[in-house]
PDB file of N, CA and C in Angstrom:
ATOM      1  N   UNK A   1     -25.978  30.583  10.423  1.00  0.00           N
ATOM      2  CA  UNK A   1     -24.316  30.155  10.924  1.00  0.00           C
ATOM      3  C   UNK A   1     -24.047  28.840  10.449  1.00  0.00           C
ATOM      4  N   UNK A   2     -22.426  28.958  10.060  1.00  0.00           N
ATOM      5  CA  UNK A   2     -22.035  27.755   9.780  1.00  0.00           C
ATOM      6  C   UNK A   2     -21.479  26.781  10.567  1.00  0.00           C
ATOM      7  N   UNK A   3     -21.679  25.352  10.762  1.00  0.00           N
ATOM      8  CA  UNK A   3     -21.220  24.679  11.405  1.00  0.00           C
ATOM      9  C   UNK A   3     -19.829  24.799  12.068  1.00  0.00           C
ATOM     10  N   UNK A   4     -19.222  24.065  12.922  1.00  0.00           N
ATOM     11  CA  UNK A   4     -18.129  24.581  13.224  1.00  0.00           C
ATOM     12  C   UNK A   4     -16.548  23.647  12.609  1.00  0.00           C
ATOM     13  N   UNK A   5     -16.104  24.304  11.948  1.00  0.00           N
ATOM     14  CA  UNK A   5     -14.858  24.280  10.730  1.00  0.00           C
ATOM     15  C   UNK A   5     -14.013  22.836  11.183  1.00  0.00           C
ATOM     16  N   UNK A   6     -13.618  21.934  10.713  1.00  0.00           N
ATOM     17  CA  UNK A   6     -12.803  20.781  11.207  1.00  0.00           C
ATOM     18  C   UNK A   6     -11.580  21.552  11.161  1.00  0.00           C
ATOM     19  N   UNK A   7     -10.822  20.617  11.955  1.00  0.00           N
ATOM     20  CA  UNK A   7      -9.552  20.874  12.140  1.00  0.00           C
ATOM     21  C   UNK A   7      -8.345  21.068  10.842  1.00  0.00           C
ATOM     22  N   UNK A   8      -8.927  20.027   9.868  1.00  0.00           N
ATOM     23  CA  UNK A   8      -8.072  19.985   8.480  1.00  0.00           C
ATOM     24  C   UNK A   8      -8.466  21.496   7.845  1.00  0.00           C
ATOM     25  N   UNK A   9     -10.011  21.805   7.753  1.00  0.00           N
ATOM     26  CA  UNK A   9     -10.276  23.027   7.281  1.00  0.00           C
ATOM     27  C   UNK A   9      -9.662  23.903   7.468  1.00  0.00           C
ATOM     28  N   UNK A  10      -9.377  24.311   9.315  1.00  0.00           N
ATOM     29  CA  UNK A  10      -8.900  25.310   9.589  1.00  0.00           C
ATOM     30  C   UNK A  10      -7.169  25.319   9.265  1.00  0.00           C
ATOM     31  N   UNK A  11      -6.336  24.093   9.002  1.00  0.00           N
ATOM     32  CA  UNK A  11      -4.962  23.854   8.769  1.00  0.00           C
ATOM     33  C   UNK A  11      -5.281  24.402   7.061  1.00  0.00           C
ATOM     34  N   UNK A  12      -5.684  24.043   6.308  1.00  0.00           N
ATOM     35  CA  UNK A  12      -5.728  24.662   4.826  1.00  0.00           C
ATOM     36  C   UNK A  12      -5.762  26.137   4.544  1.00  0.00           C
ATOM     37  N   UNK A  13      -6.676  26.577   5.663  1.00  0.00           N
ATOM     38  CA  UNK A  13      -6.770  27.905   5.472  1.00  0.00           C
ATOM     39  C   UNK A  13      -7.283  28.751   4.524  1.00  0.00           C
ATOM     40  N   UNK A  14      -8.347  27.890   3.510  1.00  0.00           N
ATOM     41  CA  UNK A  14      -8.801  28.327   2.519  1.00  0.00           C
ATOM     42  C   UNK A  14      -8.565  27.755   1.060  1.00  0.00           C
ATOM     43  N   UNK A  15      -7.378  27.080   1.190  1.00  0.00           N
ATOM     44  CA  UNK A  15      -6.729  26.062   0.493  1.00  0.00           C
ATOM     45  C   UNK A  15      -7.047  24.812  -0.343  1.00  0.00           C
ATOM     46  N   UNK A  16      -6.969  24.186  -1.414  1.00  0.00           N
ATOM     47  CA  UNK A  16      -7.503  22.924  -1.770  1.00  0.00           C
ATOM     48  C   UNK A  16      -6.690  21.822  -0.642  1.00  0.00           C
ATOM     49  N   UNK A  17      -7.384  21.231  -0.230  1.00  0.00           N
ATOM     50  CA  UNK A  17      -6.681  20.271   0.540  1.00  0.00           C
ATOM     51  C   UNK A  17      -6.802  18.970  -0.470  1.00  0.00           C
ATOM     52  N   UNK A  18      -5.517  17.513  -0.487  1.00  0.00           N
ATOM     53  CA  UNK A  18      -5.894  16.678  -1.069  1.00  0.00           C
ATOM     54  C   UNK A  18      -5.900  15.362   0.041  1.00  0.00           C
ATOM     55  N   UNK A  19      -6.460  14.387  -0.147  1.00  0.00           N
ATOM     56  CA  UNK A  19      -5.819  13.067   0.399  1.00  0.00           C
ATOM     57  C   UNK A  19      -5.202  11.865  -0.333  1.00  0.00           C
ATOM     58  N   UNK A  20      -3.894  11.810   0.038  1.00  0.00           N
ATOM     59  CA  UNK A  20      -3.074  10.530  -0.679  1.00  0.00           C
ATOM     60  C   UNK A  20      -3.120   9.610   0.446  1.00  0.00           C
ATOM     61  N   UNK A  21      -3.390   8.377  -0.496  1.00  0.00           N
ATOM     62  CA  UNK A  21      -3.316   7.091   0.145  1.00  0.00           C
ATOM     63  C   UNK A  21      -1.796   6.989   0.074  1.00  0.00           C
ATOM     64  N   UNK A  22      -0.783   6.330   0.924  1.00  0.00           N
ATOM     65  CA  UNK A  22       0.754   6.265   1.083  1.00  0.00           C
ATOM     66  C   UNK A  22       0.803   4.655   1.587  1.00  0.00           C
ATOM     67  N   UNK A  23       1.496   3.856   0.462  1.00  0.00           N
ATOM     68  CA  UNK A  23       1.513   2.381   1.273  1.00  0.00           C
ATOM     69  C   UNK A  23       2.941   2.748   1.668  1.00  0.00           C
ATOM     70  N   UNK A  24       3.194   2.217   3.447  1.00  0.00           N
ATOM     71  CA  UNK A  24       4.415   1.812   3.636  1.00  0.00           C
ATOM     72  C   UNK A  24       4.493   0.181   4.208  1.00  0.00           C
ATOM     73  N   UNK A  25       6.007  -0.062   3.577  1.00  0.00           N
ATOM     74  CA  UNK A  25       6.573  -1.388   3.901  1.00  0.00           C
ATOM     75  C   UNK A  25       8.018  -1.501   4.471  1.00  0.00           C
ATOM     76  N   UNK A  26       8.556  -2.293   5.242  1.00  0.00           N
ATOM     77  CA  UNK A  26       9.541  -2.291   5.714  1.00  0.00           C
ATOM     78  C   UNK A  26      10.208  -3.561   5.077  1.00  0.00           C
ATOM     79  N   UNK A  27      11.661  -3.799   4.800  1.00  0.00           N
ATOM     80  CA  UNK A  27      11.941  -4.937   4.665  1.00  0.00           C
ATOM     81  C   UNK A  27      13.399  -5.229   4.874  1.00  0.00           C
ATOM     82  N   UNK A  28      14.190  -6.047   5.830  1.00  0.00           N
ATOM     83  CA  UNK A  28      14.715  -6.760   5.948  1.00  0.00           C
ATOM     84  C   UNK A  28      16.039  -7.415   5.144  1.00  0.00           C
ATOM     85  N   UNK A  29      17.046  -6.419   4.957  1.00  0.00           N
ATOM     86  CA  UNK A  29      18.225  -7.228   4.277  1.00  0.00           C
ATOM     87  C   UNK A  29      19.253  -7.520   4.947  1.00  0.00           C
ATOM     88  N   UNK A  30      20.383  -7.320   3.936  1.00  0.00           N
ATOM     89  CA  UNK A  30      21.688  -7.750   4.355  1.00  0.00           C
ATOM     90  C   UNK A  30      22.890  -7.009   3.663  1.00  0.00           C
ATOM     91  N   UNK A  31      23.363  -5.915   4.447  1.00  0.00           N
ATOM     92  CA  UNK A  31      24.275  -4.986   3.977  1.00  0.00           C
ATOM     93  C   UNK A  31      25.472  -6.119   3.985  1.00  0.00           C
ATOM     94  N   UNK A  32      25.804  -6.968   3.150  1.00  0.00           N
ATOM     95  CA  UNK A  32      27.394  -7.648   3.089  1.00  0.00           C
ATOM     96  C   UNK A  32      28.524  -6.579   2.797  1.00  0.00           C
ATOM     97  N   UNK A  33      29.293  -5.951   3.620  1.00  0.00           N
ATOM     98  CA  UNK A  33      30.229  -5.112   3.139  1.00  0.00           C
ATOM     99  C   UNK A  33      32.117  -6.051   2.953  1.00  0.00           C
ATOM    100  N   UNK A  34      32.072  -6.998   3.746  1.00  0.00           N
ATOM    101  CA  UNK A  34      33.027  -7.759   3.929  1.00  0.00           C
ATOM    102  C   UNK A  34      31.916  -9.170   4.060  1.00  0.00           C
ATOM    103  N   UNK A  35      32.862 -10.273   4.647  1.00  0.00           N
ATOM    104  CA  UNK A  35      32.097 -11.676   4.896  1.00  0.00           C
ATOM    105  C   UNK A  35      31.571 -11.841   5.852  1.00  0.00           C
ATOM    106  N   UNK A  36      31.103 -10.782   6.915  1.00  0.00           N
ATOM    107  CA  UNK A  36      30.213 -10.537   7.868  1.00  0.00           C
ATOM    108  C   UNK A  36      28.965 -10.081   7.219  1.00  0.00           C
ATOM    109  N   UNK A  37      27.586 -10.897   7.772  1.00  0.00           N
ATOM    110  CA  UNK A  37      26.668 -10.995   8.213  1.00  0.00           C
ATOM    111  C   UNK A  37      25.973  -9.306   8.949  1.00  0.00           C
ATOM    112  N   UNK A  38      25.693  -8.365   7.745  1.00  0.00           N
ATOM    113  CA  UNK A  38      25.007  -6.924   8.647  1.00  0.00           C
ATOM    114  C   UNK A  38      23.340  -6.789   8.367  1.00  0.00           C
ATOM    115  N   UNK A  39      23.036  -7.372   9.201  1.00  0.00           N
ATOM    116  CA  UNK A  39      21.233  -7.098   8.880  1.00  0.00           C
ATOM    117  C   UNK A  39      21.185  -5.904   9.360  1.00  0.00           C
ATOM    118  N   UNK A  40      20.122  -5.296   8.585  1.00  0.00           N
ATOM    119  CA  UNK A  40      19.547  -4.072   8.952  1.00  0.00           C
ATOM    120  C   UNK A  40      18.107  -3.863   7.743  1.00  0.00           C
ATOM    121  N   UNK A  41      17.156  -3.106   8.312  1.00  0.00           N
ATOM    122  CA  UNK A  41      16.024  -2.821   8.010  1.00  0.00           C
ATOM    123  C   UNK A  41      16.140  -1.244   7.023  1.00  0.00           C
ATOM    124  N   UNK A  42      15.214  -1.934   6.053  1.00  0.00           N
ATOM    125  CA  UNK A  42      15.033  -0.753   5.259  1.00  0.00           C
ATOM    126  C   UNK A  42      13.276  -0.293   5.128  1.00  0.00           C
ATOM    127  N   UNK A  43      12.740   0.839   5.227  1.00  0.00           N
ATOM    128  CA  UNK A  43      11.605   1.006   4.975  1.00  0.00           C
ATOM    129  C   UNK A  43      11.335   1.841   3.806  1.00  0.00           C
ATOM    130  N   UNK A  44      10.358   1.726   3.208  1.00  0.00           N
ATOM    131  CA  UNK A  44       9.842   2.275   1.647  1.00  0.00           C
ATOM    132  C   UNK A  44       8.349   2.636   1.657  1.00  0.00           C
ATOM    133  N   UNK A  45       8.179   3.992   0.634  1.00  0.00           N
ATOM    134  CA  UNK A  45       6.775   4.260   0.801  1.00  0.00           C
ATOM    135  C   UNK A  45       6.243   4.513  -1.055  1.00  0.00           C
ATOM    136  N   UNK A  46       5.241   4.562  -1.375  1.00  0.00           N
ATOM    137  CA  UNK A  46       4.660   4.380  -2.647  1.00  0.00           C
ATOM    138  C   UNK A  46       3.181   5.167  -2.333  1.00  0.00           C
ATOM    139  N   UNK A  47       3.405   6.276  -2.863  1.00  0.00           N
ATOM    140  CA  UNK A  47       1.907   6.431  -3.238  1.00  0.00           C
ATOM    141  C   UNK A  47       0.794   5.465  -3.680  1.00  0.00           C
ATOM    142  N   UNK A  48      -0.404   4.945  -3.263  1.00  0.00           N
ATOM    143  CA  UNK A  48      -1.416   4.065  -3.296  1.00  0.00           C
ATOM    144  C   UNK A  48      -2.514   4.571  -4.805  1.00  0.00           C
ATOM    145  N   UNK A  49      -2.489   6.119  -4.601  1.00  0.00           N
ATOM    146  CA  UNK A  49      -3.564   6.410  -5.630  1.00  0.00           C
ATOM    147  C   UNK A  49      -2.679   6.312  -7.089  1.00  0.00           C
ATOM    148  N   UNK A  50      -1.631   5.560  -7.442  1.00  0.00           N
ATOM    149  CA  UNK A  50      -1.322   5.499  -9.003  1.00  0.00           C
ATOM    150  C   UNK A  50      -1.433   4.025  -9.106  1.00  0.00           C
ATOM    151  N   UNK A  51      -1.741   4.347 -10.484  1.00  0.00           N
ATOM    152  CA  UNK A  51      -2.029   2.912 -11.135  1.00  0.00           C
ATOM    153  C   UNK A  51      -1.047   1.946 -10.915  1.00  0.00           C
ATOM    154  N   UNK A  52      -1.733   0.985 -10.868  1.00  0.00           N
ATOM    155  CA  UNK A  52      -0.214  -0.240 -10.876  1.00  0.00           C
ATOM    156  C   UNK A  52       0.387  -0.607 -12.045  1.00  0.00           C
ATOM    157  N   UNK A  53       0.328  -0.463 -12.993  1.00  0.00           N
ATOM    158  CA  UNK A  53       1.632  -0.210 -13.797  1.00  0.00           C
ATOM    159  C   UNK A  53       2.648   0.573 -13.323  1.00  0.00           C
ATOM    160  N   UNK A  54       2.613   1.512 -12.847  1.00  0.00           N
ATOM    161  CA  UNK A  54       3.007   2.423 -12.068  1.00  0.00           C
ATOM    162  C   UNK A  54       3.764   1.907 -11.204  1.00  0.00           C
ATOM    163  N   UNK A  55       3.312   1.755 -10.070  1.00  0.00           N
ATOM    164  CA  UNK A  55       3.390   0.789  -8.776  1.00  0.00           C
ATOM    165  C   UNK A  55       4.455  -0.133  -9.020  1.00  0.00           C
ATOM    166  N   UNK A  56       4.477  -0.579 -10.160  1.00  0.00           N
ATOM    167  CA  UNK A  56       5.528  -1.693 -10.695  1.00  0.00           C
ATOM    168  C   UNK A  56       6.890  -1.243 -11.027  1.00  0.00           C
ATOM    169  N   UNK A  57       7.055  -0.190 -10.933  1.00  0.00           N
ATOM    170  CA  UNK A  57       7.956   0.229 -11.141  1.00  0.00           C
ATOM    171  C   UNK A  57       8.707   0.705 -10.139  1.00  0.00           C
ATOM    172  N   UNK A  58      10.273   0.408 -10.508  1.00  0.00           N
ATOM    173  CA  UNK A  58      10.922   0.744  -9.256  1.00  0.00           C
ATOM    174  C   UNK A  58      10.948   2.242  -9.018  1.00  0.00           C
ATOM    175  N   UNK A  59      10.601   3.060 -10.078  1.00  0.00           N
ATOM    176  CA  UNK A  59      10.940   4.782 -10.269  1.00  0.00           C
ATOM    177  C   UNK A  59      10.062   5.237  -9.219  1.00  0.00           C
ATOM    178  N   UNK A  60       8.919   4.534  -8.600  1.00  0.00           N
ATOM    179  CA  UNK A  60       7.916   5.492  -8.197  1.00  0.00           C
ATOM    180  C   UNK A  60       8.197   4.821  -6.590  1.00  0.00           C
ATOM    181  N   UNK A  61       9.195   3.881  -6.600  1.00  0.00           N
ATOM    182  CA  UNK A  61       8.840   3.284  -4.522  1.00  0.00           C
ATOM    183  C   UNK A  61       9.976   4.294  -3.838  1.00  0.00           C
ATOM    184  N   UNK A  62       9.600   5.321  -3.027  1.00  0.00           N
ATOM    185  CA  UNK A  62      10.903   5.894  -2.411  1.00  0.00           C
ATOM    186  C   UNK A  62      11.457   5.306  -0.869  1.00  0.00           C
ATOM    187  N   UNK A  63      12.505   5.370  -0.820  1.00  0.00           N
ATOM    188  CA  UNK A  63      13.166   4.939   0.419  1.00  0.00           C
ATOM    189  C   UNK A  63      13.160   6.161   1.146  1.00  0.00           C
ATOM    190  N   UNK A  64      12.798   5.489   2.506  1.00  0.00           N
ATOM    191  CA  UNK A  64      12.750   6.633   3.337  1.00  0.00           C
ATOM    192  C   UNK A  64      13.968   6.359   4.602  1.00  0.00           C
ATOM    193  N   UNK A  65      13.942   5.228   5.180  1.00  0.00           N
ATOM    194  CA  UNK A  65      14.468   4.671   6.501  1.00  0.00           C
ATOM    195  C   UNK A  65      15.436   3.399   6.366  1.00  0.00           C
ATOM    196  N   UNK A  66      16.690   3.464   6.883  1.00  0.00           N
ATOM    197  CA  UNK A  66      17.259   2.531   7.153  1.00  0.00           C
ATOM    198  C   UNK A  66      17.695   2.352   8.886  1.00  0.00           C
ATOM    199  N   UNK A  67      18.136   1.483   9.539  1.00  0.00           N
ATOM    200  CA  UNK A  67      18.595   1.182  10.667  1.00  0.00           C
ATOM    201  C   UNK A  67      19.273  -0.360  10.916  1.00  0.00           C
ATOM    202  N   UNK A  68      20.044  -0.422  11.193  1.00  0.00           N
ATOM    203  CA  UNK A  68      20.297  -1.679  11.763  1.00  0.00           C
ATOM    204  C   UNK A  68      19.631  -2.626  13.179  1.00  0.00           C
ATOM    205  N   UNK A  69      19.630  -0.723  13.725  1.00  0.00           N
ATOM    206  CA  UNK A  69      19.002  -1.448  15.274  1.00  0.00           C
ATOM    207  C   UNK A  69      17.565  -1.464  15.215  1.00  0.00           C
ATOM    208  N   UNK A  70      17.069  -0.247  15.146  1.00  0.00           N
ATOM    209  CA  UNK A  70      15.391  -0.101  14.643  1.00  0.00           C
ATOM    210  C   UNK A  70      14.748  -1.791  13.733  1.00  0.00           C
ATOM    211  N   UNK A  71      13.739  -2.017  14.690  1.00  0.00           N
ATOM    212  CA  UNK A  71      12.934  -2.447  13.150  1.00  0.00           C
ATOM    213  C   UNK A  71      11.901  -1.989  12.774  1.00  0.00           C
ATOM    214  N   UNK A  72      11.450  -3.053  11.484  1.00  0.00           N
ATOM    215  CA  UNK A  72       9.883  -2.065  10.686  1.00  0.00           C
ATOM    216  C   UNK A  72       9.000  -1.259  11.529  1.00  0.00           C
ATOM    217  N   UNK A  73       8.834  -1.720  12.666  1.00  0.00           N
ATOM    218  CA  UNK A  73       7.912  -1.271  13.435  1.00  0.00           C
ATOM    219  C   UNK A  73       8.143   0.345  14.518  1.00  0.00           C
ATOM    220  N   UNK A  74       9.636   0.358  15.074  1.00  0.00           N
ATOM    221  CA  UNK A  74      10.043   1.327  15.518  1.00  0.00           C
ATOM    222  C   UNK A  74       9.891   2.174  14.456  1.00  0.00           C
ATOM    223  N   UNK A  75      10.748   2.303  13.045  1.00  0.00           N
ATOM    224  CA  UNK A  75      10.570   2.691  12.406  1.00  0.00           C
ATOM    225  C   UNK A  75       9.530   3.775  11.728  1.00  0.00           C
ATOM    226  N   UNK A  76       8.163   2.952  11.909  1.00  0.00           N
ATOM    227  CA  UNK A  76       7.060   3.170  11.347  1.00  0.00           C
ATOM    228  C   UNK A  76       6.195   4.136  12.332  1.00  0.00           C
ATOM    229  N   UNK A  77       6.825   4.046  13.549  1.00  0.00           N
ATOM    230  CA  UNK A  77       6.344   4.740  14.625  1.00  0.00           C
ATOM    231  C   UNK A  77       6.766   6.284  14.417  1.00  0.00           C
ATOM    232  N   UNK A  78       8.221   6.449  14.258  1.00  0.00           N
ATOM    233  CA  UNK A  78       9.173   7.252  14.100  1.00  0.00           C
ATOM    234  C   UNK A  78       8.668   7.844  12.577  1.00  0.00           C
ATOM    235  N   UNK A  79       8.348   7.444  11.979  1.00  0.00           N
ATOM    236  CA  UNK A  79       7.710   8.170  10.900  1.00  0.00           C
ATOM    237  C   UNK A  79       6.330   8.622  10.913  1.00  0.00           C
ATOM    238  N   UNK A  80       5.508   7.615  11.334  1.00  0.00           N
ATOM    239  CA  UNK A  80       3.879   9.033  11.697  1.00  0.00           C
ATOM    240  C   UNK A  80       4.333   9.832  12.754  1.00  0.00           C
ATOM    241  N   UNK A  81       5.154  10.166  13.593  1.00  0.00           N
ATOM    242  CA  UNK A  81       5.560  11.207  14.544  1.00  0.00           C
ATOM    243  C   UNK A  81       5.597  12.383  13.828  1.00  0.00           C
ATOM    244  N   UNK A  82       6.688  12.026  12.826  1.00  0.00           N
ATOM    245  CA  UNK A  82       7.133  13.420  11.536  1.00  0.00           C
ATOM    246  C   UNK A  82       6.134  13.713  10.777  1.00  0.00           C
TER     247      UNK A  82
END
């Protein structure tokens, strides 16, 4: 008999499954539309499996979310839930 299948194998249903490392980081920025300082936090991600020469290019950095109210930790929690 075969050992108990893992949850990931059951989710894959016979298809190939790959592991991809993702770097997620937050940056606090200001959106200066007027003379008022509008602080907000942006969250970005990039695939860590890419070579460094590709990761340093802006093209491979993906925007994920922004919020004037939630800090980076709160946004990370929401990303992990989704």
